Amino acid sequence: MLEQLIPFLIASILLTLSPGPDIIYVLSQSLVGGYKKGMVIALGLVSGILIHTSLVAFGVSLIIKNSEPLFWSIKIAGALYLFYLAYIVYSSPPQSFAPDKNEVSKTLAFSDFKTGFIMNILNPKVTIFFLAFFPGFLWDTEKDLIFQFYTLGGLFMLQAFIVFSLVAVLSDQLSGMLFKTSRSYSFLKWFQIFTFVAIAILILL
């Protein structure tokens, strides 16, 4: 079992560290709102992994993979959601992006969690990737496969949350050095807009 889980963990960490929509989103939002905001978003993102793991474990991912209309419908829904978030940021005044890292309200935290969760589940590439990635690390194909898939999914969630949290803390420290003036707030606003649009395009492409 460990002979499979250790290589899986190493591969998962490398994959999580590679540039992609999730880690880019955590980085950008932590620059704007601090590490607490980034960690809440990270929690939402990794919670979405539970959905993808379930789709793989119960064979639904095969349906998504083999149905091009369904696959593209999910991708387009995800991209439209990100374009919507970009519009919300565009409609907000630059002053609203002044970093407030001392307190995160429950309402704002839930909103950040929800955004991360929706972003993750509306990216069908994650499900298809898990479908290709997880089976190679099953340690006994004659025993409970669902348990093994959820074990791999849980391990992937744990390492992803740790990696995203470290990115959030480092980004928070970086923002403290870079963004100290009112002109910075305008930059943060357009930085977020660019990030949402870029991630939407990444999902589509």
Foldseek 3Di string as FASTA:
>chain_A
DVVLVVVLLVVLLVVLPPDALLLLVLLLVLLQANLVLSLLLLLLQLVLLLVLLVCLLVVVLVVCVPDPVNVVVLLLVLLVVLLVVLVVLVPDDLVVSHYDHPDDDPVNSVVSSNVSNSNNNSQSVSSVVCNVPQVVRQPDPVDNSSVSSVVSSVSSSVSSSVVSSVSSNVSNVVSVVPDDDSVVSVVSSVSSSVSSNVNSVRSND
